[in-house]
């Protein structure tokens, strides 16, 4: 359980740089108190994914006065993992 918490804590810290897996981290974070083997396997899979994309980057080019804008759709009411 302690190893799971350490991995999830570090992955949550990494969400500042990799926004594409924030949703998955939210799901894994729900099982922090009672993780099962499948949760640890998914956390390991995310670590392997991140190791595979560590050389990838997004290049933002400045042209005119373009503002960066982001959207999210958070819907806890339809959460099937409760």
N, C-alpha and C. Protein backbone atom coordinates (compact mmCIF):
# COMPACT_ATOMS: atom_id res chain seq x y z
N UNK A 1 0.83 -1.19 0.00
CA UNK A 1 0.00 0.00 0.00
C UNK A 1 0.87 1.26 0.00
N UNK A 2 1.96 1.23 0.75
CA UNK A 2 2.83 2.40 0.82
C UNK A 2 3.46 2.67 -0.54
N UNK A 3 3.89 1.62 -1.24
CA UNK A 3 4.48 1.80 -2.57
C UNK A 3 3.46 2.42 -3.52
N UNK A 4 2.22 1.96 -3.45
CA UNK A 4 1.16 2.52 -4.30
C UNK A 4 0.98 4.00 -4.02
N UNK A 5 0.96 4.38 -2.77
CA UNK A 5 0.80 5.79 -2.40
C UNK A 5 1.97 6.63 -2.91
N UNK A 6 3.17 6.10 -2.82
CA UNK A 6 4.34 6.82 -3.30
C UNK A 6 4.27 7.03 -4.82
N UNK A 7 3.90 5.99 -5.53
CA UNK A 7 3.81 6.10 -6.99
C UNK A 7 2.73 7.09 -7.39
N UNK A 8 1.55 6.99 -6.78
CA UNK A 8 0.45 7.89 -7.12
C UNK A 8 0.82 9.33 -6.77
N UNK A 9 1.45 9.54 -5.64
CA UNK A 9 1.87 10.89 -5.26
C UNK A 9 2.83 11.50 -6.27
N UNK A 10 3.76 10.72 -6.75
CA UNK A 10 4.71 11.22 -7.75
C UNK A 10 4.04 11.45 -9.09
N UNK A 11 3.11 10.57 -9.45
CA UNK A 11 2.40 10.75 -10.72
C UNK A 11 1.49 11.98 -10.67
N UNK A 12 0.88 12.24 -9.52
CA UNK A 12 0.05 13.44 -9.40
C UNK A 12 0.90 14.69 -9.56
N UNK A 13 2.11 14.66 -9.02
CA UNK A 13 3.04 15.79 -9.20
C UNK A 13 3.35 15.99 -10.68
N UNK A 14 3.48 14.91 -11.43
CA UNK A 14 3.80 15.01 -12.86
C UNK A 14 2.65 15.53 -13.71
N UNK A 15 1.43 15.54 -13.17
CA UNK A 15 0.30 16.04 -13.96
C UNK A 15 0.45 17.52 -14.30
N UNK A 16 1.36 18.22 -13.61
CA UNK A 16 1.62 19.62 -13.98
C UNK A 16 2.21 19.71 -15.37
N UNK A 17 2.93 18.70 -15.79
CA UNK A 17 3.58 18.70 -17.10
C UNK A 17 2.83 17.88 -18.13
N UNK A 18 2.22 16.80 -17.72
CA UNK A 18 1.48 15.93 -18.64
C UNK A 18 0.01 15.96 -18.28
N UNK A 19 -0.71 16.82 -18.96
CA UNK A 19 -2.12 17.01 -18.66
C UNK A 19 -3.01 15.91 -19.21
N UNK A 20 -2.47 15.08 -20.09
CA UNK A 20 -3.31 14.10 -20.76
C UNK A 20 -3.72 12.92 -19.88
N UNK A 21 -3.17 12.78 -18.71
CA UNK A 21 -3.59 11.67 -17.87
C UNK A 21 -4.09 12.11 -16.49
N UNK A 22 -4.56 13.34 -16.39
CA UNK A 22 -5.12 13.82 -15.13
C UNK A 22 -6.37 13.01 -14.75
N UNK A 23 -7.21 12.70 -15.71
CA UNK A 23 -8.43 11.95 -15.42
C UNK A 23 -8.10 10.57 -14.83
N UNK A 24 -7.15 9.90 -15.44
CA UNK A 24 -6.76 8.57 -14.97
C UNK A 24 -6.17 8.65 -13.57
N UNK A 25 -5.40 9.69 -13.31
CA UNK A 25 -4.81 9.85 -11.99
C UNK A 25 -5.90 10.11 -10.94
N UNK A 26 -6.95 10.81 -11.33
CA UNK A 26 -8.06 11.02 -10.41
C UNK A 26 -8.73 9.72 -10.03
N UNK A 27 -8.85 8.82 -10.99
CA UNK A 27 -9.46 7.51 -10.70
C UNK A 27 -8.55 6.69 -9.80
N UNK A 28 -7.26 6.63 -10.11
CA UNK A 28 -6.34 5.86 -9.28
C UNK A 28 -6.21 6.45 -7.88
N UNK A 29 -6.34 7.75 -7.77
CA UNK A 29 -6.24 8.42 -6.49
C UNK A 29 -7.39 8.03 -5.56
N UNK A 30 -8.54 7.69 -6.12
CA UNK A 30 -9.69 7.29 -5.30
C UNK A 30 -9.41 6.03 -4.49
N UNK A 31 -8.52 5.19 -4.99
CA UNK A 31 -8.25 3.91 -4.35
C UNK A 31 -6.96 3.94 -3.52
N UNK A 32 -6.60 5.13 -3.05
CA UNK A 32 -5.37 5.29 -2.29
C UNK A 32 -5.41 4.50 -0.98
N UNK A 33 -6.56 4.39 -0.34
CA UNK A 33 -6.65 3.69 0.95
C UNK A 33 -6.72 2.17 0.81
N UNK A 34 -7.34 1.69 -0.25
CA UNK A 34 -7.48 0.25 -0.43
C UNK A 34 -7.18 -0.14 -1.88
N UNK A 35 -5.93 0.00 -2.31
CA UNK A 35 -5.62 -0.37 -3.70
C UNK A 35 -5.62 -1.88 -3.87
N UNK A 36 -6.03 -2.28 -5.04
CA UNK A 36 -6.01 -3.70 -5.39
C UNK A 36 -4.87 -3.93 -6.39
N UNK A 37 -4.64 -5.15 -6.74
CA UNK A 37 -3.56 -5.48 -7.67
C UNK A 37 -3.75 -4.79 -9.01
N UNK A 38 -4.99 -4.69 -9.47
CA UNK A 38 -5.24 -4.06 -10.77
C UNK A 38 -4.88 -2.57 -10.74
N UNK A 39 -5.08 -1.90 -9.60
CA UNK A 39 -4.74 -0.48 -9.51
C UNK A 39 -3.22 -0.29 -9.60
N UNK A 40 -2.48 -1.17 -8.95
CA UNK A 40 -1.03 -1.11 -9.02
C UNK A 40 -0.55 -1.40 -10.44
N UNK A 41 -1.19 -2.32 -11.10
CA UNK A 41 -0.83 -2.63 -12.49
C UNK A 41 -1.07 -1.42 -13.39
N UNK A 42 -2.17 -0.73 -13.19
CA UNK A 42 -2.46 0.47 -14.00
C UNK A 42 -1.46 1.58 -13.71
N UNK A 43 -1.09 1.75 -12.44
CA UNK A 43 -0.07 2.76 -12.09
C UNK A 43 1.26 2.41 -12.76
N UNK A 44 1.60 1.14 -12.77
CA UNK A 44 2.83 0.70 -13.44
C UNK A 44 2.75 0.96 -14.95
N UNK A 45 1.59 0.71 -15.52
CA UNK A 45 1.40 0.97 -16.95
C UNK A 45 1.60 2.45 -17.27
N UNK A 46 1.11 3.33 -16.42
CA UNK A 46 1.29 4.77 -16.62
C UNK A 46 2.77 5.13 -16.55
N UNK A 47 3.50 4.53 -15.60
CA UNK A 47 4.93 4.78 -15.51
C UNK A 47 5.65 4.36 -16.80
N UNK A 48 5.29 3.20 -17.33
CA UNK A 48 5.89 2.74 -18.58
C UNK A 48 5.54 3.67 -19.74
N UNK A 49 4.32 4.15 -19.76
CA UNK A 49 3.89 5.09 -20.80
C UNK A 49 4.72 6.37 -20.74
N UNK A 50 4.90 6.90 -19.54
CA UNK A 50 5.66 8.13 -19.38
C UNK A 50 7.12 7.95 -19.76
N UNK A 51 7.68 6.78 -19.45
CA UNK A 51 9.05 6.52 -19.85
C UNK A 51 9.18 6.46 -21.37
N UNK A 52 8.13 6.03 -22.04
CA UNK A 52 8.15 5.93 -23.49
C UNK A 52 7.99 7.27 -24.19
N UNK A 53 7.43 8.27 -23.52
CA UNK A 53 7.20 9.56 -24.17
C UNK A 53 8.06 10.68 -23.60
N UNK A 54 9.09 10.33 -22.82
CA UNK A 54 9.87 11.37 -22.16
C UNK A 54 10.59 12.29 -23.14
N UNK A 55 10.83 11.85 -24.36
CA UNK A 55 11.51 12.69 -25.35
C UNK A 55 10.55 13.50 -26.21
N UNK A 56 9.25 13.30 -26.03
CA UNK A 56 8.26 14.04 -26.79
C UNK A 56 8.04 15.41 -26.16
N UNK A 57 7.70 16.36 -26.98
CA UNK A 57 7.39 17.70 -26.46
C UNK A 57 6.42 18.40 -27.38
N UNK A 58 5.76 19.39 -26.83
CA UNK A 58 4.84 20.23 -27.59
C UNK A 58 5.51 21.59 -27.76
N UNK A 59 5.55 22.06 -28.96
CA UNK A 59 6.17 23.35 -29.24
C UNK A 59 5.07 24.38 -29.49
N UNK A 60 5.04 25.39 -28.66
CA UNK A 60 4.09 26.49 -28.82
C UNK A 60 4.83 27.64 -29.49
N UNK A 61 4.35 28.02 -30.66
CA UNK A 61 5.00 29.11 -31.38
C UNK A 61 4.19 30.38 -31.20
N UNK A 62 4.90 31.48 -31.02
CA UNK A 62 4.26 32.77 -30.86
C UNK A 62 4.08 33.41 -32.22
N UNK A 63 2.86 33.76 -32.57
CA UNK A 63 2.60 34.46 -33.82
C UNK A 63 2.08 35.86 -33.50
N UNK A 64 0.82 35.97 -33.26
CA UNK A 64 0.23 37.24 -32.87
C UNK A 64 -0.14 37.16 -31.40
N UNK A 65 -1.16 37.89 -31.04
CA UNK A 65 -1.61 37.85 -29.65
C UNK A 65 -2.64 36.74 -29.48
N UNK A 66 -2.17 35.51 -29.49
CA UNK A 66 -3.04 34.36 -29.29
C UNK A 66 -2.99 33.96 -27.82
N UNK A 67 -4.13 33.86 -27.22
CA UNK A 67 -4.19 33.42 -25.83
C UNK A 67 -4.39 31.90 -25.80
N UNK A 68 -3.72 31.26 -24.88
CA UNK A 68 -3.91 29.83 -24.71
C UNK A 68 -5.18 29.61 -23.90
N UNK A 69 -5.96 28.67 -24.34
CA UNK A 69 -7.23 28.41 -23.68
C UNK A 69 -7.41 26.91 -23.54
N UNK A 70 -7.90 26.46 -22.41
CA UNK A 70 -8.14 25.05 -22.20
C UNK A 70 -9.53 24.82 -21.66
N UNK A 71 -10.07 23.63 -21.93
CA UNK A 71 -11.40 23.27 -21.48
C UNK A 71 -11.34 21.91 -20.79
N UNK A 72 -12.26 21.70 -19.90
CA UNK A 72 -12.38 20.40 -19.25
C UNK A 72 -13.85 20.09 -19.04
N UNK A 73 -14.13 18.82 -18.95
CA UNK A 73 -15.49 18.37 -18.72
C UNK A 73 -15.45 17.41 -17.55
N UNK A 74 -15.78 17.90 -16.38
CA UNK A 74 -15.76 17.08 -15.18
C UNK A 74 -17.19 16.74 -14.82
N UNK A 75 -17.48 15.47 -14.77
CA UNK A 75 -18.83 15.02 -14.49
C UNK A 75 -18.77 13.89 -13.47
N UNK A 76 -18.77 14.24 -12.18
CA UNK A 76 -18.69 13.23 -11.14
C UNK A 76 -20.02 12.48 -10.97
N UNK A 77 -21.09 13.04 -11.47
CA UNK A 77 -22.39 12.38 -11.29
C UNK A 77 -22.48 11.07 -12.07
N UNK A 78 -21.79 11.00 -13.20
CA UNK A 78 -21.83 9.77 -14.01
C UNK A 78 -20.64 8.86 -13.72
N UNK A 79 -20.02 9.00 -12.58
CA UNK A 79 -18.86 8.21 -12.22
C UNK A 79 -19.29 6.76 -11.95
N UNK A 80 -18.81 5.84 -12.76
CA UNK A 80 -19.16 4.44 -12.62
C UNK A 80 -18.25 3.71 -11.62
N UNK A 81 -17.21 4.40 -11.12
CA UNK A 81 -16.24 3.76 -10.23
C UNK A 81 -16.51 4.05 -8.76
N UNK A 82 -17.70 4.39 -8.39
CA UNK A 82 -18.01 4.71 -6.99
C UNK A 82 -18.11 3.47 -6.16
